[in-house]
């Protein structure tokens, strides 16, 4: 089984499933659905230091549900699973229950 560990201040996330039915009850085909902006954090980068020499601190943890930038990150496929590697700056917020 292949795995991937992001480097630096990058975060590995798995997009959560998009709604397949519109608010009016119409079933949407995959081609008409927008990319979901909600994702679950599955891996954190190695950290390091920023340009000012300060340690990079992650504001998220593995398992957190987050809201991500619509067009940020790079899509990757690992063992048939679609994942996304993005900078921590592309995470807009942590979803709470």
PDB file of N, CA and C in Angstrom:
ATOM      1  N   UNK A   1       0.841  -1.178   0.000  1.00  0.00           N
ATOM      2  CA  UNK A   1       0.000   0.000   0.000  1.00  0.00           C
ATOM      3  C   UNK A   1       0.891   1.247   0.000  1.00  0.00           C
ATOM      4  N   UNK A   2       0.694   2.082  -0.973  1.00  0.00           N
ATOM      5  CA  UNK A   2       1.459   3.319  -1.067  1.00  0.00           C
ATOM      6  C   UNK A   2       0.878   4.358  -0.113  1.00  0.00           C
ATOM      7  N   UNK A   3       1.738   5.211   0.379  1.00  0.00           N
ATOM      8  CA  UNK A   3       1.272   6.310   1.216  1.00  0.00           C
ATOM      9  C   UNK A   3       2.021   7.561   0.810  1.00  0.00           C
ATOM     10  N   UNK A   4       1.534   8.690   1.272  1.00  0.00           N
ATOM     11  CA  UNK A   4       2.160   9.951   0.912  1.00  0.00           C
ATOM     12  C   UNK A   4       2.205  10.838   2.148  1.00  0.00           C
ATOM     13  N   UNK A   5       3.345  11.468   2.378  1.00  0.00           N
ATOM     14  CA  UNK A   5       3.506  12.395   3.502  1.00  0.00           C
ATOM     15  C   UNK A   5       3.850  13.751   2.917  1.00  0.00           C
ATOM     16  N   UNK A   6       3.003  14.741   3.153  1.00  0.00           N
ATOM     17  CA  UNK A   6       3.299  16.075   2.628  1.00  0.00           C
ATOM     18  C   UNK A   6       4.544  16.667   3.288  1.00  0.00           C
ATOM     19  N   UNK A   7       5.192  17.588   2.611  1.00  0.00           N
ATOM     20  CA  UNK A   7       6.385  18.250   3.128  1.00  0.00           C
ATOM     21  C   UNK A   7       6.066  19.695   3.500  1.00  0.00           C
ATOM     22  N   UNK A   8       6.869  20.262   4.376  1.00  0.00           N
ATOM     23  CA  UNK A   8       6.730  21.670   4.748  1.00  0.00           C
ATOM     24  C   UNK A   8       5.395  21.975   5.393  1.00  0.00           C
ATOM     25  N   UNK A   9       4.776  23.081   4.973  1.00  0.00           N
ATOM     26  CA  UNK A   9       3.510  23.504   5.571  1.00  0.00           C
ATOM     27  C   UNK A   9       2.303  22.994   4.788  1.00  0.00           C
ATOM     28  N   UNK A  10       2.479  21.882   4.101  1.00  0.00           N
ATOM     29  CA  UNK A  10       1.389  21.332   3.298  1.00  0.00           C
ATOM     30  C   UNK A  10       0.563  20.337   4.109  1.00  0.00           C
ATOM     31  N   UNK A  11      -0.693  20.193   3.674  1.00  0.00           N
ATOM     32  CA  UNK A  11      -1.650  19.326   4.349  1.00  0.00           C
ATOM     33  C   UNK A  11      -2.277  18.409   3.307  1.00  0.00           C
ATOM     34  N   UNK A  12      -2.475  17.148   3.657  1.00  0.00           N
ATOM     35  CA  UNK A  12      -3.125  16.165   2.791  1.00  0.00           C
ATOM     36  C   UNK A  12      -4.563  16.023   3.258  1.00  0.00           C
ATOM     37  N   UNK A  13      -5.523  16.197   2.335  1.00  0.00           N
ATOM     38  CA  UNK A  13      -6.931  16.103   2.692  1.00  0.00           C
ATOM     39  C   UNK A  13      -7.665  15.208   1.706  1.00  0.00           C
ATOM     40  N   UNK A  14      -8.797  14.700   2.156  1.00  0.00           N
ATOM     41  CA  UNK A  14      -9.709  13.933   1.304  1.00  0.00           C
ATOM     42  C   UNK A  14     -11.010  14.710   1.252  1.00  0.00           C
ATOM     43  N   UNK A  15     -11.429  15.072   0.039  1.00  0.00           N
ATOM     44  CA  UNK A  15     -12.678  15.816  -0.112  1.00  0.00           C
ATOM     45  C   UNK A  15     -13.846  14.965   0.369  1.00  0.00           C
ATOM     46  N   UNK A  16     -14.790  15.594   1.047  1.00  0.00           N
ATOM     47  CA  UNK A  16     -16.000  14.907   1.467  1.00  0.00           C
ATOM     48  C   UNK A  16     -16.973  14.894   0.298  1.00  0.00           C
ATOM     49  N   UNK A  17     -17.829  13.919   0.261  1.00  0.00           N
ATOM     50  CA  UNK A  17     -18.744  13.745  -0.876  1.00  0.00           C
ATOM     51  C   UNK A  17     -19.651  14.954  -1.055  1.00  0.00           C
ATOM     52  N   UNK A  18     -19.868  15.333  -2.319  1.00  0.00           N
ATOM     53  CA  UNK A  18     -20.753  16.439  -2.654  1.00  0.00           C
ATOM     54  C   UNK A  18     -22.199  15.945  -2.671  1.00  0.00           C
ATOM     55  N   UNK A  19     -23.111  16.873  -2.486  1.00  0.00           N
ATOM     56  CA  UNK A  19     -24.523  16.539  -2.551  1.00  0.00           C
ATOM     57  C   UNK A  19     -24.876  16.137  -3.979  1.00  0.00           C
ATOM     58  N   UNK A  20     -25.576  15.018  -4.140  1.00  0.00           N
ATOM     59  CA  UNK A  20     -25.967  14.542  -5.467  1.00  0.00           C
ATOM     60  C   UNK A  20     -27.369  14.994  -5.841  1.00  0.00           C
ATOM     61  N   UNK A  21     -28.054  15.678  -4.911  1.00  0.00           N
ATOM     62  CA  UNK A  21     -29.416  16.141  -5.157  1.00  0.00           C
ATOM     63  C   UNK A  21     -29.462  17.635  -4.870  1.00  0.00           C
ATOM     64  N   UNK A  22     -30.072  18.399  -5.779  1.00  0.00           N
ATOM     65  CA  UNK A  22     -30.172  19.845  -5.594  1.00  0.00           C
ATOM     66  C   UNK A  22     -31.192  20.154  -4.511  1.00  0.00           C
ATOM     67  N   UNK A  23     -31.268  21.420  -4.132  1.00  0.00           N
ATOM     68  CA  UNK A  23     -32.222  21.840  -3.105  1.00  0.00           C
ATOM     69  C   UNK A  23     -33.657  21.593  -3.559  1.00  0.00           C
ATOM     70  N   UNK A  24     -33.890  21.605  -4.852  1.00  0.00           N
ATOM     71  CA  UNK A  24     -35.227  21.364  -5.401  1.00  0.00           C
ATOM     72  C   UNK A  24     -35.543  19.896  -5.613  1.00  0.00           C
ATOM     73  N   UNK A  25     -34.598  19.012  -5.264  1.00  0.00           N
ATOM     74  CA  UNK A  25     -34.843  17.582  -5.373  1.00  0.00           C
ATOM     75  C   UNK A  25     -34.389  16.958  -6.683  1.00  0.00           C
ATOM     76  N   UNK A  26     -33.689  17.713  -7.516  1.00  0.00           N
ATOM     77  CA  UNK A  26     -33.216  17.193  -8.802  1.00  0.00           C
ATOM     78  C   UNK A  26     -31.894  16.464  -8.589  1.00  0.00           C
ATOM     79  N   UNK A  27     -31.795  15.244  -9.120  1.00  0.00           N
ATOM     80  CA  UNK A  27     -30.558  14.472  -9.017  1.00  0.00           C
ATOM     81  C   UNK A  27     -29.551  15.038 -10.010  1.00  0.00           C
ATOM     82  N   UNK A  28     -28.364  15.401  -9.505  1.00  0.00           N
ATOM     83  CA  UNK A  28     -27.334  16.010 -10.348  1.00  0.00           C
ATOM     84  C   UNK A  28     -26.329  14.966 -10.814  1.00  0.00           C
ATOM     85  N   UNK A  29     -26.008  14.941 -12.119  1.00  0.00           N
ATOM     86  CA  UNK A  29     -24.954  14.038 -12.583  1.00  0.00           C
ATOM     87  C   UNK A  29     -23.596  14.530 -12.102  1.00  0.00           C
ATOM     88  N   UNK A  30     -22.610  13.629 -12.093  1.00  0.00           N
ATOM     89  CA  UNK A  30     -21.267  14.002 -11.622  1.00  0.00           C
ATOM     90  C   UNK A  30     -20.707  15.214 -12.349  1.00  0.00           C
ATOM     91  N   UNK A  31     -20.975  15.322 -13.640  1.00  0.00           N
ATOM     92  CA  UNK A  31     -20.412  16.425 -14.427  1.00  0.00           C
ATOM     93  C   UNK A  31     -21.006  17.776 -14.036  1.00  0.00           C
ATOM     94  N   UNK A  32     -22.185  17.792 -13.427  1.00  0.00           N
ATOM     95  CA  UNK A  32     -22.829  19.052 -13.045  1.00  0.00           C
ATOM     96  C   UNK A  32     -22.526  19.453 -11.606  1.00  0.00           C
ATOM     97  N   UNK A  33     -21.907  18.561 -10.845  1.00  0.00           N
ATOM     98  CA  UNK A  33     -21.627  18.850  -9.446  1.00  0.00           C
ATOM     99  C   UNK A  33     -20.343  19.665  -9.310  1.00  0.00           C
ATOM    100  N   UNK A  34     -20.362  20.601  -8.379  1.00  0.00           N
ATOM    101  CA  UNK A  34     -19.153  21.366  -8.089  1.00  0.00           C
ATOM    102  C   UNK A  34     -18.254  20.548  -7.180  1.00  0.00           C
ATOM    103  N   UNK A  35     -16.963  20.884  -7.205  1.00  0.00           N
ATOM    104  CA  UNK A  35     -16.031  20.228  -6.284  1.00  0.00           C
ATOM    105  C   UNK A  35     -16.424  20.605  -4.866  1.00  0.00           C
ATOM    106  N   UNK A  36     -16.509  19.627  -3.978  1.00  0.00           N
ATOM    107  CA  UNK A  36     -16.851  19.970  -2.597  1.00  0.00           C
ATOM    108  C   UNK A  36     -15.733  20.770  -1.934  1.00  0.00           C
ATOM    109  N   UNK A  37     -16.116  21.713  -1.086  1.00  0.00           N
ATOM    110  CA  UNK A  37     -15.127  22.525  -0.379  1.00  0.00           C
ATOM    111  C   UNK A  37     -14.874  21.995   1.017  1.00  0.00           C
ATOM    112  N   UNK A  38     -15.618  20.973   1.427  1.00  0.00           N
ATOM    113  CA  UNK A  38     -15.390  20.373   2.732  1.00  0.00           C
ATOM    114  C   UNK A  38     -14.487  19.162   2.560  1.00  0.00           C
ATOM    115  N   UNK A  39     -13.534  19.012   3.479  1.00  0.00           N
ATOM    116  CA  UNK A  39     -12.575  17.914   3.382  1.00  0.00           C
ATOM    117  C   UNK A  39     -12.168  17.471   4.785  1.00  0.00           C
ATOM    118  N   UNK A  40     -11.573  16.278   4.840  1.00  0.00           N
ATOM    119  CA  UNK A  40     -11.055  15.762   6.100  1.00  0.00           C
ATOM    120  C   UNK A  40      -9.535  15.686   5.997  1.00  0.00           C
ATOM    121  N   UNK A  41      -8.852  16.181   7.014  1.00  0.00           N
ATOM    122  CA  UNK A  41      -7.387  16.159   7.042  1.00  0.00           C
ATOM    123  C   UNK A  41      -6.929  14.724   7.283  1.00  0.00           C
ATOM    124  N   UNK A  42      -6.071  14.218   6.382  1.00  0.00           N
ATOM    125  CA  UNK A  42      -5.557  12.855   6.522  1.00  0.00           C
ATOM    126  C   UNK A  42      -4.055  12.823   6.791  1.00  0.00           C
ATOM    127  N   UNK A  43      -3.364  13.945   6.617  1.00  0.00           N
ATOM    128  CA  UNK A  43      -1.930  13.982   6.877  1.00  0.00           C
ATOM    129  C   UNK A  43      -1.426  15.408   6.976  1.00  0.00           C
ATOM    130  N   UNK A  44      -0.382  15.584   7.775  1.00  0.00           N
ATOM    131  CA  UNK A  44       0.243  16.893   7.942  1.00  0.00           C
ATOM    132  C   UNK A  44       1.677  16.849   7.444  1.00  0.00           C
ATOM    133  N   UNK A  45       2.165  17.981   6.979  1.00  0.00           N
ATOM    134  CA  UNK A  45       3.532  18.084   6.495  1.00  0.00           C
ATOM    135  C   UNK A  45       4.552  17.979   7.611  1.00  0.00           C
ATOM    136  N   UNK A  46       5.781  18.192   7.244  1.00  0.00           N
ATOM    137  CA  UNK A  46       6.896  18.049   8.173  1.00  0.00           C
ATOM    138  C   UNK A  46       7.147  19.301   8.995  1.00  0.00           C
ATOM    139  N   UNK A  47       6.447  20.391   8.681  1.00  0.00           N
ATOM    140  CA  UNK A  47       6.650  21.636   9.431  1.00  0.00           C
ATOM    141  C   UNK A  47       7.864  22.370   8.912  1.00  0.00           C
ATOM    142  N   UNK A  48       8.735  22.775   9.802  1.00  0.00           N
ATOM    143  CA  UNK A  48       9.920  23.527   9.409  1.00  0.00           C
ATOM    144  C   UNK A  48       9.835  24.941   9.939  1.00  0.00           C
ATOM    145  N   UNK A  49      10.486  25.869   9.236  1.00  0.00           N
ATOM    146  CA  UNK A  49      10.463  27.271   9.640  1.00  0.00           C
ATOM    147  C   UNK A  49      10.028  28.132   8.462  1.00  0.00           C
ATOM    148  N   UNK A  50       9.432  29.273   8.781  1.00  0.00           N
ATOM    149  CA  UNK A  50       9.028  30.193   7.730  1.00  0.00           C
ATOM    150  C   UNK A  50      10.199  31.093   7.338  1.00  0.00           C
ATOM    151  N   UNK A  51       9.938  32.100   6.496  1.00  0.00           N
ATOM    152  CA  UNK A  51      11.012  32.966   6.010  1.00  0.00           C
ATOM    153  C   UNK A  51      11.618  33.847   7.102  1.00  0.00           C
ATOM    154  N   UNK A  52      10.921  33.988   8.233  1.00  0.00           N
ATOM    155  CA  UNK A  52      11.429  34.787   9.354  1.00  0.00           C
ATOM    156  C   UNK A  52      12.123  33.937  10.414  1.00  0.00           C
ATOM    157  N   UNK A  53      12.228  32.625  10.159  1.00  0.00           N
ATOM    158  CA  UNK A  53      12.885  31.737  11.099  1.00  0.00           C
ATOM    159  C   UNK A  53      11.991  31.197  12.201  1.00  0.00           C
ATOM    160  N   UNK A  54      10.691  31.516  12.152  1.00  0.00           N
ATOM    161  CA  UNK A  54       9.754  31.015  13.161  1.00  0.00           C
ATOM    162  C   UNK A  54       9.282  29.620  12.770  1.00  0.00           C
ATOM    163  N   UNK A  55       9.059  28.767  13.788  1.00  0.00           N
ATOM    164  CA  UNK A  55       8.552  27.422  13.531  1.00  0.00           C
ATOM    165  C   UNK A  55       7.152  27.490  12.932  1.00  0.00           C
ATOM    166  N   UNK A  56       6.902  26.609  11.963  1.00  0.00           N
ATOM    167  CA  UNK A  56       5.571  26.500  11.374  1.00  0.00           C
ATOM    168  C   UNK A  56       4.719  25.653  12.314  1.00  0.00           C
ATOM    169  N   UNK A  57       3.603  26.218  12.754  1.00  0.00           N
ATOM    170  CA  UNK A  57       2.686  25.526  13.653  1.00  0.00           C
ATOM    171  C   UNK A  57       1.409  25.227  12.876  1.00  0.00           C
ATOM    172  N   UNK A  58       0.989  23.973  12.894  1.00  0.00           N
ATOM    173  CA  UNK A  58      -0.238  23.609  12.196  1.00  0.00           C
ATOM    174  C   UNK A  58      -1.445  23.941  13.055  1.00  0.00           C
ATOM    175  N   UNK A  59      -2.436  24.575  12.441  1.00  0.00           N
ATOM    176  CA  UNK A  59      -3.676  24.936  13.128  1.00  0.00           C
ATOM    177  C   UNK A  59      -4.729  23.846  13.001  1.00  0.00           C
ATOM    178  N   UNK A  60      -4.407  22.779  12.283  1.00  0.00           N
ATOM    179  CA  UNK A  60      -5.332  21.658  12.099  1.00  0.00           C
ATOM    180  C   UNK A  60      -4.640  20.380  12.536  1.00  0.00           C
ATOM    181  N   UNK A  61      -5.435  19.344  12.745  1.00  0.00           N
ATOM    182  CA  UNK A  61      -4.898  18.040  13.131  1.00  0.00           C
ATOM    183  C   UNK A  61      -5.541  16.973  12.240  1.00  0.00           C
ATOM    184  N   UNK A  62      -4.902  15.822  12.153  1.00  0.00           N
ATOM    185  CA  UNK A  62      -5.456  14.716  11.379  1.00  0.00           C
ATOM    186  C   UNK A  62      -6.836  14.382  11.942  1.00  0.00           C
ATOM    187  N   UNK A  63      -7.802  14.246  11.046  1.00  0.00           N
ATOM    188  CA  UNK A  63      -9.173  13.947  11.447  1.00  0.00           C
ATOM    189  C   UNK A  63     -10.078  15.163  11.462  1.00  0.00           C
ATOM    190  N   UNK A  64      -9.503  16.380  11.457  1.00  0.00           N
ATOM    191  CA  UNK A  64     -10.319  17.594  11.437  1.00  0.00           C
ATOM    192  C   UNK A  64     -11.073  17.709  10.121  1.00  0.00           C
ATOM    193  N   UNK A  65     -12.286  18.202  10.188  1.00  0.00           N
ATOM    194  CA  UNK A  65     -13.060  18.515   8.988  1.00  0.00           C
ATOM    195  C   UNK A  65     -12.843  20.006   8.725  1.00  0.00           C
ATOM    196  N   UNK A  66     -12.452  20.334   7.500  1.00  0.00           N
ATOM    197  CA  UNK A  66     -12.067  21.702   7.175  1.00  0.00           C
ATOM    198  C   UNK A  66     -12.794  22.201   5.931  1.00  0.00           C
ATOM    199  N   UNK A  67     -12.813  23.504   5.786  1.00  0.00           N
ATOM    200  CA  UNK A  67     -13.333  24.166   4.602  1.00  0.00           C
ATOM    201  C   UNK A  67     -12.123  24.639   3.807  1.00  0.00           C
ATOM    202  N   UNK A  68     -12.029  24.204   2.544  1.00  0.00           N
ATOM    203  CA  UNK A  68     -10.840  24.518   1.748  1.00  0.00           C
ATOM    204  C   UNK A  68     -11.177  25.446   0.587  1.00  0.00           C
ATOM    205  N   UNK A  69     -10.159  26.098   0.093  1.00  0.00           N
ATOM    206  CA  UNK A  69     -10.287  26.965  -1.073  1.00  0.00           C
ATOM    207  C   UNK A  69     -10.765  26.140  -2.257  1.00  0.00           C
ATOM    208  N   UNK A  70     -11.667  26.693  -3.045  1.00  0.00           N
ATOM    209  CA  UNK A  70     -12.288  25.940  -4.136  1.00  0.00           C
ATOM    210  C   UNK A  70     -11.280  25.460  -5.175  1.00  0.00           C
ATOM    211  N   UNK A  71     -10.309  26.281  -5.522  1.00  0.00           N
ATOM    212  CA  UNK A  71      -9.383  25.917  -6.589  1.00  0.00           C
ATOM    213  C   UNK A  71      -7.944  25.739  -6.112  1.00  0.00           C
ATOM    214  N   UNK A  72      -7.719  25.633  -4.818  1.00  0.00           N
ATOM    215  CA  UNK A  72      -6.368  25.482  -4.290  1.00  0.00           C
ATOM    216  C   UNK A  72      -5.917  24.036  -4.293  1.00  0.00           C
ATOM    217  N   UNK A  73      -4.629  23.839  -4.180  1.00  0.00           N
ATOM    218  CA  UNK A  73      -4.068  22.507  -4.016  1.00  0.00           C
ATOM    219  C   UNK A  73      -3.805  21.754  -5.300  1.00  0.00           C
ATOM    220  N   UNK A  74      -3.263  20.556  -5.128  1.00  0.00           N
ATOM    221  CA  UNK A  74      -2.932  19.668  -6.234  1.00  0.00           C
ATOM    222  C   UNK A  74      -3.594  18.316  -6.005  1.00  0.00           C
ATOM    223  N   UNK A  75      -4.368  17.870  -6.986  1.00  0.00           N
ATOM    224  CA  UNK A  75      -5.035  16.573  -6.887  1.00  0.00           C
ATOM    225  C   UNK A  75      -4.021  15.456  -7.076  1.00  0.00           C
ATOM    226  N   UNK A  76      -4.087  14.438  -6.215  1.00  0.00           N
ATOM    227  CA  UNK A  76      -3.244  13.251  -6.331  1.00  0.00           C
ATOM    228  C   UNK A  76      -4.118  12.022  -6.129  1.00  0.00           C
ATOM    229  N   UNK A  77      -3.687  10.903  -6.676  1.00  0.00           N
ATOM    230  CA  UNK A  77      -4.403   9.653  -6.506  1.00  0.00           C
ATOM    231  C   UNK A  77      -3.449   8.652  -5.881  1.00  0.00           C
ATOM    232  N   UNK A  78      -3.834   8.096  -4.725  1.00  0.00           N
ATOM    233  CA  UNK A  78      -3.020   7.115  -4.019  1.00  0.00           C
ATOM    234  C   UNK A  78      -3.887   5.880  -3.794  1.00  0.00           C
ATOM    235  N   UNK A  79      -3.452   4.749  -4.330  1.00  0.00           N
ATOM    236  CA  UNK A  79      -4.193   3.500  -4.207  1.00  0.00           C
ATOM    237  C   UNK A  79      -5.648   3.656  -4.636  1.00  0.00           C
ATOM    238  N   UNK A  80      -5.887   4.395  -5.713  1.00  0.00           N
ATOM    239  CA  UNK A  80      -7.230   4.577  -6.244  1.00  0.00           C
ATOM    240  C   UNK A  80      -8.073   5.584  -5.482  1.00  0.00           C
ATOM    241  N   UNK A  81      -7.504   6.229  -4.471  1.00  0.00           N
ATOM    242  CA  UNK A  81      -8.243   7.202  -3.672  1.00  0.00           C
ATOM    243  C   UNK A  81      -7.823   8.608  -4.078  1.00  0.00           C
ATOM    244  N   UNK A  82      -8.805   9.472  -4.362  1.00  0.00           N
ATOM    245  CA  UNK A  82      -8.527  10.850  -4.746  1.00  0.00           C
ATOM    246  C   UNK A  82      -8.265  11.697  -3.510  1.00  0.00           C
ATOM    247  N   UNK A  83      -7.077  12.301  -3.464  1.00  0.00           N
ATOM    248  CA  UNK A  83      -6.673  13.151  -2.348  1.00  0.00           C
ATOM    249  C   UNK A  83      -6.226  14.501  -2.892  1.00  0.00           C
ATOM    250  N   UNK A  84      -5.965  15.429  -1.998  1.00  0.00           N
ATOM    251  CA  UNK A  84      -5.553  16.774  -2.375  1.00  0.00           C
ATOM    252  C   UNK A  84      -4.454  17.227  -1.429  1.00  0.00           C
ATOM    253  N   UNK A  85      -3.350  17.715  -1.999  1.00  0.00           N
ATOM    254  CA  UNK A  85      -2.281  18.309  -1.193  1.00  0.00           C
ATOM    255  C   UNK A  85      -2.381  19.815  -1.367  1.00  0.00           C
ATOM    256  N   UNK A  86      -2.470  20.519  -0.244  1.00  0.00           N
ATOM    257  CA  UNK A  86      -2.575  21.969  -0.321  1.00  0.00           C
ATOM    258  C   UNK A  86      -1.803  22.622   0.808  1.00  0.00           C
ATOM    259  N   UNK A  87      -1.521  23.878   0.624  1.00  0.00           N
ATOM    260  CA  UNK A  87      -0.833  24.652   1.649  1.00  0.00           C
ATOM    261  C   UNK A  87      -1.802  24.906   2.792  1.00  0.00           C
ATOM    262  N   UNK A  88      -1.276  24.998   4.002  1.00  0.00           N
ATOM    263  CA  UNK A  88      -2.141  25.290   5.138  1.00  0.00           C
ATOM    264  C   UNK A  88      -2.893  26.609   4.915  1.00  0.00           C
ATOM    265  N   UNK A  89      -2.322  27.523   4.150  1.00  0.00           N
ATOM    266  CA  UNK A  89      -2.975  28.806   3.861  1.00  0.00           C
ATOM    267  C   UNK A  89      -4.231  28.644   3.016  1.00  0.00           C
ATOM    268  N   UNK A  90      -4.385  27.512   2.303  1.00  0.00           N
ATOM    269  CA  UNK A  90      -5.577  27.251   1.494  1.00  0.00           C
ATOM    270  C   UNK A  90      -6.728  26.680   2.316  1.00  0.00           C
ATOM    271  N   UNK A  91      -6.493  26.458   3.609  1.00  0.00           N
ATOM    272  CA  UNK A  91      -7.568  26.011   4.502  1.00  0.00           C
ATOM    273  C   UNK A  91      -8.224  27.256   5.062  1.00  0.00           C
ATOM    274  N   UNK A  92      -9.524  27.387   4.803  1.00  0.00           N
ATOM    275  CA  UNK A  92     -10.249  28.599   5.194  1.00  0.00           C
ATOM    276  C   UNK A  92     -10.757  28.540   6.626  1.00  0.00           C
ATOM    277  N   UNK A  93     -10.989  27.330   7.138  1.00  0.00           N
ATOM    278  CA  UNK A  93     -11.485  27.210   8.502  1.00  0.00           C
ATOM    279  C   UNK A  93     -11.695  25.758   8.882  1.00  0.00           C
ATOM    280  N   UNK A  94     -11.853  25.529  10.176  1.00  0.00           N
ATOM    281  CA  UNK A  94     -12.134  24.194  10.703  1.00  0.00           C
ATOM    282  C   UNK A  94     -13.627  24.136  11.000  1.00  0.00           C
ATOM    283  N   UNK A  95     -14.281  23.078  10.525  1.00  0.00           N
ATOM    284  CA  UNK A  95     -15.716  22.918  10.750  1.00  0.00           C
ATOM    285  C   UNK A  95     -15.942  22.309  12.140  1.00  0.00           C
ATOM    286  N   UNK A  96     -16.873  22.883  12.864  1.00  0.00           N
ATOM    287  CA  UNK A  96     -17.205  22.361  14.187  1.00  0.00           C
ATOM    288  C   UNK A  96     -18.654  21.904  14.172  1.00  0.00           C
ATOM    289  N   UNK A  97     -18.966  20.958  15.034  1.00  0.00           N
ATOM    290  CA  UNK A  97     -20.336  20.437  15.089  1.00  0.00           C
ATOM    291  C   UNK A  97     -21.239  21.324  15.894  1.00  0.00           C
TER     292      UNK A  97
END
